[in-house]
Amino acid sequence: MFYQFQNRFHHGTSRRFTFLGVLIGLLLAPCFGHAQVSDRYEAARKQMVHTAVIGSGVKHERVIESMLKTPRHEFVPSNIRSQAYLDMALPIGGQQTISAPFIVAYMTEALDPQPTDKVLEIGTGSGYQAAVLSPLVRSVYSIEIVEELGFKAKATLQKLKYANVKTKVGDGFKGWPEYAPFDKIIVTCSPERVPIPLVQQLREGGRMVIPVGERYQQTMYIMRKENGQLKAEALRPTLFVPMTGNAEDYRKVKPDPLHPRLYNADFEIVKKDYDFILGWYYQRQVKLVNDRQAVQGSHYAKFSNETPGLSSHMLQGFAIDGRKIGSLGFSVQIRLEDVRQGRSRDELPLIAISFYDESRREVGVVSLGPFIGSHNWSPVQKVLRVPIQAREAILRVGLFGGVGEFSIDDLKLRYNKR
């Protein structure tokens, strides 16, 4: 389940991130073709696909069609159903989330689903990813380690008549040997290393899409099995919830919530022939600039957008224990070039940190900005109070629907104990 920033703020700023603002449609239409029920969300779903899927570069026609027809609102808790078609992850209980629509479409496209494929999914969650795959492949076998979620997803999939999806509760680390080998494997939670049983259960010539790495420094890979071995192709930095069970037992590098820190905060860690900024994920319309005008070193990050409302941002997560850490001192150098609001006054560049409790529910958010106009490099700093319930945090920065060029460099994070 993919992490993504919440598209709202507290304390009078609840409309801050409305660049993907989607109004609930009033149209009535068949749901997915599997279940003939009224669907008043069709307009919202179309807008989501247009903006968050096609607008972000997904081109696979069959994947786009499945995203258009899959009723995401059926897979989120009823109390947050109004947010179902925003491009954001949502909590579904059991310390898990339903992945953001873009990442579901992106991973599905990377999997290259074929009508004859037998697919293994690790991390059923709400069942949404399995539902998107269902019309694209011959069969889907999905495993969920959280019993409550596994049973609920099974009921939802059965209600909506996804007849070619089979689910079970179990440890995805072990795969599902009874039905192996699989043509494709998709993993929607992150282990530190690829589980050996999944390698063994992928057929020769098969493909696996999986996020791998440390807790807050992950990379999504396509793995292709050749001569019994996996050949890896890095796709993009990302952030998923951890694979639990045996995978977590084998994790060697664990985050330190008593010493929160940012990775590559001055943008000087560079990988040759790599299109993304290392350490930062969910990157949209941002590039690494090599220029002597950088405040620190020779690199900085620049967000650029010419279309009001279009996404331009990136984020990074880190562990933090609010019982021990009372506040964070945050500072950054920023530069603005003709920065203006987007379609509304809420679409402007800013920097924010959201805090989440042990169940991954948002418990607080603090922002710097919004910023507007033009000026050369100048410092911005703020002391941020850490909620005592906080167990992790996500820093996000970008134009968020605004237009112009917004550059950042030399981010610093200092922690103060309670």
Protein backbone atom coordinates (compact mmCIF):
# COMPACT_ATOMS: atom_id res chain seq x y z
CA MET A 1 0.00 0.00 0.00
CA PHE A 2 1.51 3.21 -1.14
CA TYR A 3 1.95 6.23 1.12
CA GLN A 4 0.88 9.59 -0.14
CA PHE A 5 0.32 12.96 1.40
CA GLN A 6 -3.12 13.75 2.74
CA ASN A 7 -4.83 16.27 0.52
CA ARG A 8 -6.02 18.47 3.39
CA PHE A 9 -4.81 20.56 6.31
CA HIS A 10 -6.19 21.38 9.75
CA HIS A 11 -6.81 24.73 11.45
CA GLY A 12 -8.45 26.74 8.71
CA THR A 13 -6.36 25.41 5.84
CA SER A 14 -8.41 22.35 4.89
CA ARG A 15 -8.58 23.45 1.26
CA ARG A 16 -4.84 23.81 0.83
CA PHE A 17 -4.15 20.98 -1.59
CA THR A 18 -7.08 21.17 -4.00
CA PHE A 19 -5.06 20.92 -7.18
CA LEU A 20 -6.67 17.50 -7.62
CA GLY A 21 -9.97 18.69 -6.21
CA VAL A 22 -12.63 16.35 -7.47
CA LEU A 23 -16.31 16.98 -6.95
CA ILE A 24 -18.54 13.97 -6.50
CA GLY A 25 -20.46 13.34 -9.70
CA LEU A 26 -24.23 13.23 -9.78
CA LEU A 27 -24.43 10.85 -12.73
CA LEU A 28 -25.91 7.39 -12.42
CA ALA A 29 -24.17 4.62 -14.34
CA PRO A 30 -23.37 0.90 -14.11
CA CYS A 31 -20.56 0.26 -11.67
CA PHE A 32 -17.93 -2.00 -13.22
CA GLY A 33 -19.86 -4.37 -15.37
CA HIS A 34 -19.44 -6.96 -12.63
CA ALA A 35 -22.05 -5.46 -10.33
CA GLN A 36 -24.93 -3.49 -11.83
CA VAL A 37 -25.37 -0.88 -9.14
CA SER A 38 -25.92 2.85 -9.39
CA ASP A 39 -22.63 4.76 -9.57
CA ARG A 40 -22.88 8.44 -8.71
CA TYR A 41 -19.09 8.65 -8.62
CA GLU A 42 -18.49 8.24 -12.35
CA ALA A 43 -17.68 11.89 -13.04
CA ALA A 44 -15.21 11.99 -10.14
CA ARG A 45 -13.55 8.80 -11.33
CA LYS A 46 -13.16 10.15 -14.86
CA GLN A 47 -11.59 13.33 -13.52
CA MET A 48 -9.23 11.31 -11.34
CA VAL A 49 -8.08 9.19 -14.26
CA HIS A 50 -7.66 12.20 -16.53
CA THR A 51 -5.61 14.14 -13.98
CA ALA A 52 -3.81 11.62 -11.80
CA VAL A 53 -3.34 8.71 -14.23
CA ILE A 54 -3.19 9.94 -17.82
CA GLY A 55 -1.92 13.36 -16.72
CA SER A 56 0.97 11.68 -14.90
CA GLY A 57 2.15 9.65 -17.86
CA VAL A 58 0.32 6.30 -17.75
CA LYS A 59 -0.33 5.26 -21.38
CA HIS A 60 -1.45 1.60 -21.28
CA GLU A 61 -4.97 1.71 -22.77
CA ARG A 62 -6.28 -1.39 -21.02
CA VAL A 63 -4.96 -0.19 -17.65
CA ILE A 64 -6.60 3.21 -18.15
CA GLU A 65 -9.87 1.51 -19.06
CA SER A 66 -9.76 -0.62 -15.92
CA MET A 67 -9.03 2.44 -13.76
CA LEU A 68 -12.05 4.15 -15.34
CA LYS A 69 -14.34 1.24 -14.50
CA THR A 70 -13.08 0.14 -11.08
CA PRO A 71 -15.21 1.68 -8.28
CA ARG A 72 -12.51 2.83 -5.83
CA HIS A 73 -15.18 4.18 -3.46
CA GLU A 74 -16.26 0.60 -2.78
CA PHE A 75 -12.80 -0.16 -1.37
CA VAL A 76 -12.45 2.70 1.13
CA PRO A 77 -14.14 3.08 4.54
CA SER A 78 -17.56 4.74 4.31
CA ASN A 79 -16.54 7.67 6.52
CA ILE A 80 -13.90 8.81 3.97
CA ARG A 81 -15.73 7.80 0.80
CA SER A 82 -15.92 11.44 -0.29
CA GLN A 83 -12.10 11.31 -0.72
CA ALA A 84 -12.13 8.12 -2.78
CA TYR A 85 -11.24 9.81 -6.08
CA LEU A 86 -8.50 12.10 -4.86
CA ASP A 87 -4.99 11.03 -5.85
CA MET A 88 -3.96 10.08 -2.35
CA ALA A 89 -3.51 7.05 -0.14
CA LEU A 90 -6.23 6.52 2.45
CA PRO A 91 -6.19 4.58 5.74
CA ILE A 92 -8.16 1.33 5.68
CA GLY A 93 -7.35 0.02 9.18
CA GLY A 94 -4.82 -2.49 10.41
CA GLN A 95 -2.01 0.08 9.94
CA GLN A 96 -2.52 -0.23 6.18
CA THR A 97 -3.59 2.08 3.35
CA ILE A 98 -5.25 1.86 -0.03
CA SER A 99 -2.65 3.02 -2.53
CA ALA A 100 -3.03 6.26 -4.45
CA PRO A 101 -4.67 5.86 -7.88
CA PHE A 102 -1.54 6.96 -9.77
CA ILE A 103 0.68 4.38 -8.12
CA VAL A 104 -1.88 1.60 -8.69
CA ALA A 105 -2.04 2.47 -12.39
CA TYR A 106 1.75 2.90 -12.61
CA MET A 107 2.50 -0.48 -11.04
CA THR A 108 -0.17 -2.20 -13.11
CA GLU A 109 1.29 -0.74 -16.30
CA ALA A 110 4.80 -1.81 -15.26
CA LEU A 111 3.51 -5.35 -14.71
CA ASP A 112 2.45 -5.45 -18.40
CA PRO A 113 -0.70 -7.52 -17.71
CA GLN A 114 -1.72 -9.99 -20.41
CA PRO A 115 -5.10 -11.78 -20.75
CA THR A 116 -3.45 -15.17 -20.18
CA ASP A 117 -1.50 -14.16 -17.04
CA LYS A 118 -1.81 -15.81 -13.65
CA VAL A 119 -0.85 -13.08 -11.17
CA LEU A 120 0.16 -13.27 -7.50
CA GLU A 121 -0.46 -10.13 -5.43
CA ILE A 122 1.24 -9.68 -2.06
CA GLY A 123 -0.75 -7.31 0.14
CA THR A 124 -4.47 -7.46 -0.69
CA GLY A 125 -5.29 -4.51 1.54
CA SER A 126 -8.72 -3.28 0.54
CA GLY A 127 -8.79 -5.37 -2.64
CA TYR A 128 -8.55 -2.38 -5.00
CA GLN A 129 -5.35 -3.42 -6.78
CA ALA A 130 -6.75 -6.92 -7.33
CA ALA A 131 -9.94 -5.38 -8.72
CA VAL A 132 -7.97 -3.26 -11.20
CA LEU A 133 -6.03 -6.35 -12.33
CA SER A 134 -9.10 -8.58 -12.59
CA PRO A 135 -10.29 -7.64 -16.12
CA LEU A 136 -6.72 -7.49 -17.43
CA VAL A 137 -5.54 -11.03 -16.63
CA ARG A 138 -6.78 -14.62 -16.45
CA SER A 139 -6.61 -14.93 -12.66
CA VAL A 140 -5.40 -13.10 -9.55
CA TYR A 141 -4.23 -14.76 -6.32
CA SER A 142 -3.95 -12.25 -3.49
CA ILE A 143 -2.55 -12.65 0.04
CA GLU A 144 -3.15 -10.37 3.05
CA ILE A 145 -1.44 -10.81 6.42
CA VAL A 146 -3.96 -8.72 8.41
CA GLU A 147 -6.88 -11.07 9.00
CA GLU A 148 -9.57 -8.41 9.33
CA LEU A 149 -8.53 -6.72 6.09
CA GLY A 150 -8.23 -10.01 4.24
CA PHE A 151 -11.78 -11.09 5.10
CA LYS A 152 -13.19 -7.66 4.33
CA ALA A 153 -11.46 -7.48 0.96
CA LYS A 154 -12.73 -10.94 0.07
CA ALA A 155 -16.30 -9.89 0.86
CA THR A 156 -15.99 -6.70 -1.20
CA LEU A 157 -14.54 -8.52 -4.20
CA GLN A 158 -17.25 -11.16 -4.03
CA LYS A 159 -19.98 -8.53 -3.73
CA LEU A 160 -18.71 -6.81 -6.86
CA LYS A 161 -18.41 -10.18 -8.64
CA TYR A 162 -14.69 -10.28 -9.35
CA ALA A 163 -14.93 -13.99 -10.00
CA ASN A 164 -11.32 -14.51 -11.13
CA VAL A 165 -9.79 -13.17 -7.88
CA LYS A 166 -8.90 -15.67 -5.15
CA THR A 167 -7.78 -14.38 -1.73
CA LYS A 168 -6.36 -15.80 1.46
CA VAL A 169 -5.03 -14.60 4.81
CA GLY A 170 -1.37 -15.41 5.29
CA ASP A 171 2.22 -14.20 5.21
CA GLY A 172 2.97 -12.91 1.71
CA PHE A 173 6.68 -13.51 2.28
CA LYS A 174 5.97 -17.20 1.71
CA GLY A 175 3.95 -16.67 -1.45
CA TRP A 176 1.28 -19.18 -2.50
CA PRO A 177 3.14 -22.33 -3.61
CA GLU A 178 -0.08 -24.26 -4.18
CA TYR A 179 -0.80 -22.21 -7.31
CA ALA A 180 2.77 -21.51 -8.46
CA PRO A 181 4.35 -20.80 -10.85
CA PHE A 182 2.97 -17.33 -11.55
CA ASP A 183 3.42 -15.36 -14.75
CA LYS A 184 3.54 -12.07 -12.84
CA ILE A 185 3.94 -11.04 -9.19
CA ILE A 186 3.01 -7.62 -7.81
CA VAL A 187 4.01 -6.63 -4.28
CA THR A 188 2.22 -3.68 -2.64
CA CYS A 189 4.30 -3.55 0.55
CA SER A 190 8.03 -3.15 0.94
CA PRO A 191 10.53 -5.76 2.16
CA GLU A 192 14.19 -4.88 2.63
CA ARG A 193 15.09 -7.60 0.13
CA VAL A 194 13.11 -9.68 -2.35
CA PRO A 195 11.75 -12.77 -0.55
CA ILE A 196 13.33 -15.96 -1.91
CA PRO A 197 9.97 -17.86 -2.04
CA LEU A 198 8.60 -15.23 -4.45
CA VAL A 199 11.62 -15.68 -6.72
CA GLN A 200 11.05 -19.43 -6.69
CA GLN A 201 7.33 -19.06 -7.47
CA LEU A 202 7.82 -16.72 -10.44
CA ARG A 203 7.97 -18.64 -13.72
CA GLU A 204 10.99 -18.42 -15.98
CA GLY A 205 10.58 -15.30 -18.09
CA GLY A 206 8.07 -13.85 -15.62
CA ARG A 207 7.98 -10.35 -14.23
CA MET A 208 7.75 -8.99 -10.66
CA VAL A 209 7.01 -5.37 -9.66
CA ILE A 210 8.14 -4.71 -6.10
CA PRO A 211 9.31 -1.84 -3.85
CA VAL A 212 12.51 -2.81 -2.04
CA GLY A 213 14.79 -1.09 0.45
CA GLU A 214 15.09 0.47 3.86
CA ARG A 215 11.97 1.61 5.68
CA TYR A 216 12.02 5.18 4.35
CA GLN A 217 14.38 4.73 1.41
CA GLN A 218 12.75 2.42 -1.10
CA THR A 219 13.00 1.94 -4.85
CA MET A 220 10.38 0.34 -7.05
CA TYR A 221 11.82 -2.29 -9.36
CA ILE A 222 10.79 -4.44 -12.27
CA MET A 223 12.37 -7.85 -11.73
CA ARG A 224 12.62 -10.23 -14.71
CA LYS A 225 13.47 -13.88 -14.15
CA GLU A 226 16.16 -15.18 -16.50
CA ASN A 227 17.95 -18.50 -16.01
CA GLY A 228 16.51 -18.78 -12.53
CA GLN A 229 17.84 -15.38 -11.43
CA LEU A 230 16.20 -11.98 -11.14
CA LYS A 231 17.44 -9.09 -13.24
CA ALA A 232 16.45 -5.78 -11.68
CA GLU A 233 15.51 -2.51 -13.35
CA ALA A 234 15.01 0.48 -11.04
CA LEU A 235 11.85 2.45 -11.80
CA ARG A 236 11.50 5.25 -9.25
CA PRO A 237 11.92 6.10 -5.55
CA THR A 238 8.78 5.30 -3.59
CA LEU A 239 7.32 4.76 -0.12
CA PHE A 240 5.15 1.79 0.81
CA VAL A 241 4.14 0.39 4.15
CA PRO A 242 6.56 -2.35 5.27
CA MET A 243 6.06 -6.00 4.49
CA THR A 244 5.42 -7.56 7.90
CA GLY A 245 5.72 -11.14 9.08
CA ASN A 246 8.97 -12.90 8.16
CA ALA A 247 10.11 -9.99 6.01
CA GLU A 248 10.16 -7.66 9.00
CA ASP A 249 11.99 -10.24 11.12
CA TYR A 250 14.77 -10.32 8.52
CA ARG A 251 15.07 -6.54 8.20
CA LYS A 252 18.61 -5.45 9.07
CA VAL A 253 18.33 -1.67 8.80
CA LYS A 254 15.60 -0.25 11.00
CA PRO A 255 14.61 3.42 11.35
CA ASP A 256 15.56 5.35 14.48
CA PRO A 257 12.54 7.35 15.73
CA LEU A 258 14.66 9.03 18.40
CA HIS A 259 16.94 10.65 15.82
CA PRO A 260 14.70 11.84 12.97
CA ARG A 261 16.62 12.89 9.87
CA LEU A 262 16.29 13.66 6.18
CA TYR A 263 18.23 11.93 3.44
CA ASN A 264 19.93 13.90 0.65
CA ALA A 265 18.55 17.15 2.00
CA ASP A 266 21.18 19.22 0.17
CA PHE A 267 20.73 17.23 -3.09
CA GLU A 268 24.44 16.47 -3.39
CA ILE A 269 23.99 12.68 -3.56
CA VAL A 270 23.67 12.06 -7.28
CA LYS A 271 23.27 8.88 -9.34
CA LYS A 272 24.47 8.97 -12.94
CA ASP A 273 21.86 8.40 -15.67
CA TYR A 274 19.02 8.42 -13.14
CA ASP A 275 15.96 10.57 -13.75
CA PHE A 276 14.97 11.09 -10.11
CA ILE A 277 16.37 12.90 -7.09
CA LEU A 278 17.73 10.27 -4.72
CA GLY A 279 15.97 9.95 -1.37
CA TRP A 280 12.81 11.74 -2.50
CA TYR A 281 9.71 10.07 -3.83
CA TYR A 282 6.43 10.75 -5.59
CA GLN A 283 8.28 13.26 -7.76
CA ARG A 284 6.25 15.29 -10.25
CA GLN A 285 7.67 18.09 -12.43
CA VAL A 286 10.83 18.49 -10.36
CA LYS A 287 14.41 18.19 -11.53
CA LEU A 288 17.88 18.22 -10.05
CA VAL A 289 19.81 21.30 -11.19
CA ASN A 290 23.61 21.36 -11.32
CA ASP A 291 24.53 25.03 -11.00
CA ARG A 292 27.05 27.16 -9.13
CA GLN A 293 24.08 29.25 -7.96
CA ALA A 294 23.21 26.49 -5.49
CA VAL A 295 23.31 27.62 -1.87
CA GLN A 296 24.96 24.43 -0.64
CA GLY A 297 27.31 22.49 -2.90
CA SER A 298 26.47 22.47 -6.59
CA HIS A 299 22.94 21.06 -6.79
CA TYR A 300 19.42 22.11 -5.90
CA ALA A 301 15.85 21.00 -6.69
CA LYS A 302 13.61 23.04 -8.97
CA PHE A 303 9.83 22.63 -9.35
CA SER A 304 8.37 23.99 -12.58
CA ASN A 305 4.77 24.18 -13.76
CA GLU A 306 3.04 26.15 -16.51
CA THR A 307 -0.45 24.62 -16.24
CA PRO A 308 -2.57 25.87 -13.31
CA GLY A 309 -3.69 22.97 -11.17
CA LEU A 310 -1.13 20.48 -12.49
CA SER A 311 0.88 18.59 -9.89
CA SER A 312 4.52 19.51 -9.11
CA HIS A 313 5.94 18.20 -5.85
CA MET A 314 7.94 15.52 -3.98
CA LEU A 315 8.01 14.05 -0.49
CA GLN A 316 10.11 12.17 2.03
CA GLY A 317 9.15 10.21 5.15
CA PHE A 318 11.00 9.64 8.39
CA ALA A 319 10.49 7.96 11.75
CA ILE A 320 9.82 10.05 14.84
CA ASP A 321 8.58 9.26 18.34
CA GLY A 322 6.46 12.10 19.71
CA ARG A 323 6.79 10.70 23.22
CA LYS A 324 10.50 11.55 23.13
CA ILE A 325 10.79 14.31 20.51
CA GLY A 326 8.97 17.50 21.43
CA SER A 327 9.73 19.76 18.47
CA LEU A 328 11.60 20.02 15.20
CA GLY A 329 13.64 22.96 13.99
CA PHE A 330 13.24 23.12 10.21
CA SER A 331 15.07 25.44 7.81
CA VAL A 332 15.42 25.68 4.03
CA GLN A 333 16.67 28.05 1.36
CA ILE A 334 14.10 28.94 -1.31
CA ARG A 335 14.09 30.84 -4.58
CA LEU A 336 10.99 31.99 -6.50
CA GLU A 337 10.69 32.94 -10.16
CA ASP A 338 7.32 34.43 -11.13
CA VAL A 339 5.39 32.09 -8.82
CA ARG A 340 1.62 32.60 -8.96
CA GLN A 341 -1.42 30.78 -7.69
CA GLY A 342 -3.04 28.08 -9.80
CA ARG A 343 -6.75 27.76 -10.40
CA SER A 344 -7.55 28.94 -6.89
CA ARG A 345 -5.91 30.69 -3.97
CA ASP A 346 -5.19 27.30 -2.41
CA GLU A 347 -2.87 26.26 -5.25
CA LEU A 348 0.41 27.82 -4.17
CA PRO A 349 3.85 26.46 -3.24
CA LEU A 350 4.52 25.52 0.35
CA ILE A 351 6.41 23.13 2.57
CA ALA A 352 4.60 20.93 5.10
CA ILE A 353 5.18 18.11 7.54
CA SER A 354 2.34 15.75 8.42
CA PHE A 355 2.54 13.53 11.49
CA TYR A 356 0.99 10.05 11.77
CA ASP A 357 0.28 7.78 14.73
CA GLU A 358 1.07 4.07 15.00
CA SER A 359 -2.08 3.27 13.00
CA ARG A 360 -0.98 5.70 10.25
CA ARG A 361 -3.76 8.16 11.02
CA GLU A 362 -2.88 11.80 10.60
CA VAL A 363 -2.48 13.51 13.99
CA GLY A 364 -1.17 16.93 12.95
CA VAL A 365 0.29 19.00 10.15
CA VAL A 366 2.43 22.14 10.10
CA SER A 367 3.27 24.23 7.03
CA LEU A 368 5.65 26.95 5.85
CA GLY A 369 4.29 29.29 3.21
CA PRO A 370 2.53 29.67 0.90
CA PHE A 371 5.12 31.47 -1.20
CA ILE A 372 4.46 33.81 -4.11
CA GLY A 373 6.29 36.25 -6.40
CA SER A 374 9.99 36.37 -7.31
CA HIS A 375 13.12 36.63 -5.19
CA ASN A 376 16.63 35.21 -5.00
CA TRP A 377 17.75 32.63 -2.45
CA SER A 378 16.52 33.43 1.04
CA PRO A 379 16.17 31.36 4.24
CA VAL A 380 12.89 30.15 5.71
CA GLN A 381 12.75 28.51 9.11
CA LYS A 382 10.23 27.42 11.72
CA VAL A 383 10.00 25.42 14.94
CA LEU A 384 7.39 22.67 14.59
CA ARG A 385 5.61 21.11 17.54
CA VAL A 386 5.52 17.30 17.39
CA PRO A 387 2.26 15.65 18.52
CA ILE A 388 2.89 13.18 21.31
CA GLN A 389 1.03 10.49 19.30
CA ALA A 390 3.39 10.85 16.32
CA ARG A 391 5.34 7.77 15.24
CA GLU A 392 6.29 8.87 11.72
CA ALA A 393 6.14 11.96 9.54
CA ILE A 394 6.07 12.95 5.87
CA LEU A 395 7.70 16.11 4.55
CA ARG A 396 6.26 17.39 1.28
CA VAL A 397 7.28 20.32 -0.82
CA GLY A 398 6.28 21.72 -4.19
CA LEU A 399 4.09 24.07 -6.21
CA PHE A 400 0.92 22.04 -5.57
CA GLY A 401 -1.01 23.45 -8.53
CA GLY A 402 0.69 26.84 -8.57
CA VAL A 403 2.68 28.04 -11.59
CA GLY A 404 6.20 29.36 -12.05
CA GLU A 405 9.52 28.05 -10.74
CA PHE A 406 10.11 27.20 -7.09
CA SER A 407 13.62 26.11 -6.07
CA ILE A 408 14.83 24.69 -2.74
CA ASP A 409 18.23 23.84 -1.27
CA ASP A 410 20.00 23.10 2.00
CA LEU A 411 17.13 21.66 4.03
CA LYS A 412 17.98 21.10 7.69
CA LEU A 413 16.05 19.21 10.35
CA ARG A 414 16.98 19.49 14.01
CA TYR A 415 15.16 17.68 16.78
CA ASN A 416 14.58 18.73 20.38
CA LYS A 417 13.77 16.18 23.05
CA ARG A 418 10.86 16.57 25.43
